[in-house]
Protein backbone atom coordinates (compact mmCIF):
# COMPACT_ATOMS: atom_id res chain seq x y z
CA UNK A 1 -6.21 18.02 -15.01
CA UNK A 2 -6.10 16.87 -18.62
CA UNK A 3 -4.11 13.86 -19.71
CA UNK A 4 -2.11 16.16 -22.02
CA UNK A 5 -0.71 18.09 -19.05
CA UNK A 6 1.81 15.32 -18.34
CA UNK A 7 3.45 13.40 -21.19
CA UNK A 8 2.61 9.68 -21.29
CA UNK A 9 0.22 9.96 -18.33
CA UNK A 10 -3.13 8.14 -18.53
CA UNK A 11 -5.49 8.93 -15.68
CA UNK A 12 -7.60 6.21 -14.06
CA UNK A 13 -9.38 7.42 -10.92
CA UNK A 14 -9.07 9.70 -7.92
CA UNK A 15 -7.71 7.84 -4.91
CA UNK A 16 -7.79 10.55 -2.28
CA UNK A 17 -8.49 14.26 -1.94
CA UNK A 18 -6.54 15.65 0.99
CA UNK A 19 -6.08 19.04 2.56
CA UNK A 20 -2.93 19.75 0.56
CA UNK A 21 -2.96 17.39 -2.41
CA UNK A 22 -5.03 15.09 -4.60
CA UNK A 23 -3.81 11.55 -5.39
CA UNK A 24 -4.86 10.01 -8.72
CA UNK A 25 -4.10 6.51 -9.97
CA UNK A 26 -3.16 5.83 -13.56
CA UNK A 27 -0.27 4.76 -15.74
CA UNK A 28 2.87 6.55 -16.88
CA UNK A 29 4.89 5.17 -19.76
CA UNK A 30 3.01 1.88 -19.29
CA UNK A 31 3.84 1.66 -15.58
CA UNK A 32 1.27 1.77 -12.76
CA UNK A 33 1.67 5.12 -11.08
CA UNK A 34 0.10 7.69 -8.79
CA UNK A 35 -0.07 11.37 -9.60
CA UNK A 36 0.15 13.61 -6.54
CA UNK A 37 -1.07 17.08 -7.41
CA UNK A 38 -0.92 20.00 -5.00
CA UNK A 39 -3.92 22.23 -5.67
CA UNK A 40 -3.73 26.05 -5.46
CA UNK A 41 -5.03 27.54 -2.23
CA UNK A 42 -7.32 30.53 -2.80
CA UNK A 43 -6.68 31.91 0.69
CA UNK A 44 -2.98 32.39 -0.09
CA UNK A 45 -1.48 35.01 -2.38
CA UNK A 46 -0.75 33.27 -5.73
CA UNK A 47 2.99 33.98 -5.66
CA UNK A 48 3.30 32.75 -2.06
CA UNK A 49 1.22 29.68 -2.89
CA UNK A 50 3.46 28.80 -5.84
CA UNK A 51 6.58 29.28 -3.71
CA UNK A 52 5.27 27.05 -0.91
CA UNK A 53 4.19 24.39 -3.40
CA UNK A 54 7.66 24.31 -4.99
CA UNK A 55 9.37 24.12 -1.60
CA UNK A 56 7.14 21.35 -0.26
CA UNK A 57 7.37 19.22 -3.39
CA UNK A 58 11.14 19.63 -3.49
CA UNK A 59 11.39 18.65 0.19
CA UNK A 60 9.21 15.57 -0.36
CA UNK A 61 11.28 14.59 -3.38
CA UNK A 62 14.47 14.76 -1.29
CA UNK A 63 12.89 12.51 1.34
CA UNK A 64 11.76 9.97 -1.26
CA UNK A 65 15.19 9.96 -2.90
CA UNK A 66 16.86 9.28 0.42
CA UNK A 67 14.44 6.46 1.22
CA UNK A 68 15.07 4.89 -2.20
CA UNK A 69 18.82 5.01 -1.56
CA UNK A 70 18.43 2.89 1.60
CA UNK A 71 15.78 0.53 0.14
CA UNK A 72 13.13 1.67 2.60
CA UNK A 73 9.63 0.41 1.64
CA UNK A 74 8.09 3.54 0.14
CA UNK A 75 6.96 4.75 -3.29
CA UNK A 76 9.62 5.53 -5.87
CA UNK A 77 9.78 9.01 -7.34
CA UNK A 78 9.25 8.73 -11.10
CA UNK A 79 8.94 12.34 -12.20
CA UNK A 80 8.53 15.79 -10.71
CA UNK A 81 7.46 19.25 -11.83
CA UNK A 82 7.74 21.56 -8.83
CA UNK A 83 6.57 24.57 -10.84
CA UNK A 84 3.55 22.62 -12.10
CA UNK A 85 2.80 21.42 -8.59
CA UNK A 86 2.89 17.66 -9.21
CA UNK A 87 4.94 14.52 -8.79
CA UNK A 88 4.57 11.00 -10.15
CA UNK A 89 5.11 8.06 -7.83
CA UNK A 90 5.19 4.31 -8.31
CA UNK A 91 1.89 2.62 -7.47
CA UNK A 92 2.08 0.33 -4.42
CA UNK A 93 -0.11 -2.75 -4.22
CA UNK A 94 -2.17 -3.16 -1.07
CA UNK A 95 -4.77 -1.45 1.08
CA UNK A 96 -4.37 0.98 3.98
CA UNK A 97 -3.59 -0.75 7.26
CA UNK A 98 -6.59 1.14 8.64
CA UNK A 99 -8.92 -0.91 6.43
CA UNK A 100 -7.14 -4.19 7.18
CA UNK A 101 -7.49 -3.60 10.92
CA UNK A 102 -11.13 -2.60 10.57
CA UNK A 103 -12.14 -5.66 8.53
CA UNK A 104 -10.14 -8.16 10.56
CA UNK A 105 -7.43 -8.92 8.00
CA UNK A 106 -4.72 -7.51 10.30
CA UNK A 107 -4.11 -7.32 14.03
CA UNK A 108 -1.48 -6.79 16.71
CA UNK A 109 1.18 -8.60 14.69
CA UNK A 110 0.90 -5.99 11.93
CA UNK A 111 0.81 -3.15 14.44
CA UNK A 112 4.08 -4.42 15.89
CA UNK A 113 5.55 -4.57 12.39
CA UNK A 114 4.44 -0.98 11.90
CA UNK A 115 6.37 0.01 15.02
CA UNK A 116 9.50 -1.63 13.61
CA UNK A 117 9.00 0.15 10.30
CA UNK A 118 8.79 3.51 12.07
CA UNK A 119 12.07 2.85 13.87
CA UNK A 120 13.69 2.00 10.53
CA UNK A 121 12.43 5.32 9.17
CA UNK A 122 13.80 7.25 12.13
CA UNK A 123 17.16 5.50 11.86
CA UNK A 124 17.26 6.76 8.27
CA UNK A 125 17.18 10.27 9.78
CA UNK A 126 13.62 11.06 8.67
CA UNK A 127 10.43 11.90 10.54
CA UNK A 128 7.11 11.29 8.81
CA UNK A 129 4.88 14.03 10.22
CA UNK A 130 1.55 12.24 9.70
CA UNK A 131 1.87 8.69 10.97
CA UNK A 132 -1.56 7.11 10.87
CA UNK A 133 -2.83 3.72 9.76
CA UNK A 134 -4.15 5.44 6.63
CA UNK A 135 -0.59 6.19 5.52
CA UNK A 136 0.80 2.67 5.53
CA UNK A 137 -0.25 0.03 3.00
CA UNK A 138 -0.33 -3.72 3.56
CA UNK A 139 -0.22 -6.21 0.69
CA UNK A 140 -1.43 -9.81 0.45
CA UNK A 141 1.85 -11.09 1.88
CA UNK A 142 1.63 -8.81 4.92
CA UNK A 143 4.36 -6.44 3.74
CA UNK A 144 4.04 -2.83 4.90
CA UNK A 145 4.87 0.22 2.79
CA UNK A 146 4.82 3.76 4.15
CA UNK A 147 3.30 6.50 1.96
CA UNK A 148 2.54 10.24 1.94
CA UNK A 149 5.72 12.06 2.94
CA UNK A 150 4.36 15.56 2.39
CA UNK A 151 5.08 16.58 5.99
CA UNK A 152 8.32 14.63 6.41
CA UNK A 153 11.63 16.14 7.52
CA UNK A 154 15.23 15.12 7.05
CA UNK A 155 17.45 15.36 10.13
CA UNK A 156 14.56 15.89 12.53
CA UNK A 157 14.92 16.84 16.18
CA UNK A 158 13.89 14.41 18.91
CA UNK A 159 10.61 16.29 19.43
CA UNK A 160 9.56 15.51 15.86
CA UNK A 161 10.39 11.83 16.31
CA UNK A 162 8.38 11.75 19.53
CA UNK A 163 5.51 13.51 17.79
CA UNK A 164 5.48 10.79 15.13
CA UNK A 165 4.71 8.27 17.86
CA UNK A 166 2.19 10.60 19.49
CA UNK A 167 0.24 11.06 16.25
CA UNK A 168 0.08 7.29 15.81
CA UNK A 169 -0.87 6.90 19.47
CA UNK A 170 -3.85 9.18 18.91
CA UNK A 171 -4.81 7.28 15.75
CA UNK A 172 -4.64 3.87 17.43
CA UNK A 173 -6.59 4.91 20.51
CA UNK A 174 -9.28 6.72 18.52
CA UNK A 175 -9.72 4.48 15.46
CA UNK A 176 -8.56 1.06 16.68
CA UNK A 177 -9.66 0.99 20.31
CA UNK A 178 -10.77 -2.64 19.89
CA UNK A 179 -7.07 -3.53 20.11
CA UNK A 180 -6.54 -2.71 23.77
CA UNK A 181 -2.76 -3.09 23.71
CA UNK A 182 -2.22 -1.51 20.28
CA UNK A 183 -0.02 1.36 21.47
CA UNK A 184 2.09 -0.87 23.73
CA UNK A 185 2.50 -3.37 20.88
CA UNK A 186 3.57 -0.62 18.48
CA UNK A 187 6.16 0.59 21.00
CA UNK A 188 7.46 -2.94 21.51
CA UNK A 189 8.04 -3.17 17.77
CA UNK A 190 9.73 0.23 17.74
CA UNK A 191 12.10 -0.66 20.57
CA UNK A 192 12.88 -4.10 19.13
CA UNK A 193 14.06 -2.56 15.85
CA UNK A 194 16.75 -0.38 17.46
CA UNK A 195 19.86 -1.43 15.55
CA UNK A 196 22.25 0.71 17.55
CA UNK A 197 23.51 2.01 14.21
CA UNK A 198 21.22 4.97 13.63
CA UNK A 199 22.32 7.28 10.82
CA UNK A 200 20.52 10.12 12.57
CA UNK A 201 22.70 13.13 13.28
CA UNK A 202 21.77 13.01 16.95
CA UNK A 203 22.33 9.23 17.21
CA UNK A 204 19.15 8.95 19.24
CA UNK A 205 18.29 5.52 20.57
CA UNK A 206 14.79 4.07 20.36
CA UNK A 207 14.52 4.35 24.16
CA UNK A 208 15.29 8.07 24.04
CA UNK A 209 12.60 8.64 21.41
CA UNK A 210 10.03 6.64 23.38
CA UNK A 211 10.93 8.64 26.51
CA UNK A 212 10.24 11.85 24.58
CA UNK A 213 6.96 10.39 23.32
CA UNK A 214 5.96 9.60 26.93
CA UNK A 215 6.73 13.21 27.86
CA UNK A 216 4.64 14.53 24.96
CA UNK A 217 1.80 12.16 25.84
CA UNK A 218 1.95 13.37 29.43
CA UNK A 219 1.73 17.01 28.33
CA UNK A 220 -1.27 16.27 26.12
CA UNK A 221 -3.07 14.53 28.97
CA UNK A 222 -2.28 17.37 31.36
CA UNK A 223 -3.62 20.06 29.04
CA UNK A 224 -6.65 17.96 28.16
């Protein structure tokens, strides 16, 4: 992508190449920013690919706008071109929690904070869809910021909330097995953050979501 494709955008470096999108750091109108560009998929018909790209970017933009309205720690949406397949987000300082846990700069305290952050997200009536320690950043003060809402949903069903916890469960047990009580600590944080004032349509309590997670975890173990 050339710098001329987006007005006032100056590209720095590629941060991540994912299955659905490429994230590039740079500056936009003098502000640190991240360009998230959804690349065309050759295996899909071009018209279908363009339609899916527009729909997914629009859905992610709605999620980010809602999170901004409730001051949830997440990137701000700066600009969007659904037809062009890109969005510009504010750049968040910090490193992935995955790295901090691997190099010893974070531990169970941060995992518990992550659990609380997830509950705050769910009480905002949003599921993430890809909750891993790669998709939460931690700064020098220990603040956590959730990123990458490409698979998120507004007004999710309880199964999607339980699946959020199951995805993170799989991440913690596979990538951070040195922390033996990581999953239990995350769940403690999640349960402790239940405000009793969820804005979710279903008014689901943290206990109900954890119960669904336990059911999903049980099904996974059974089929495994």
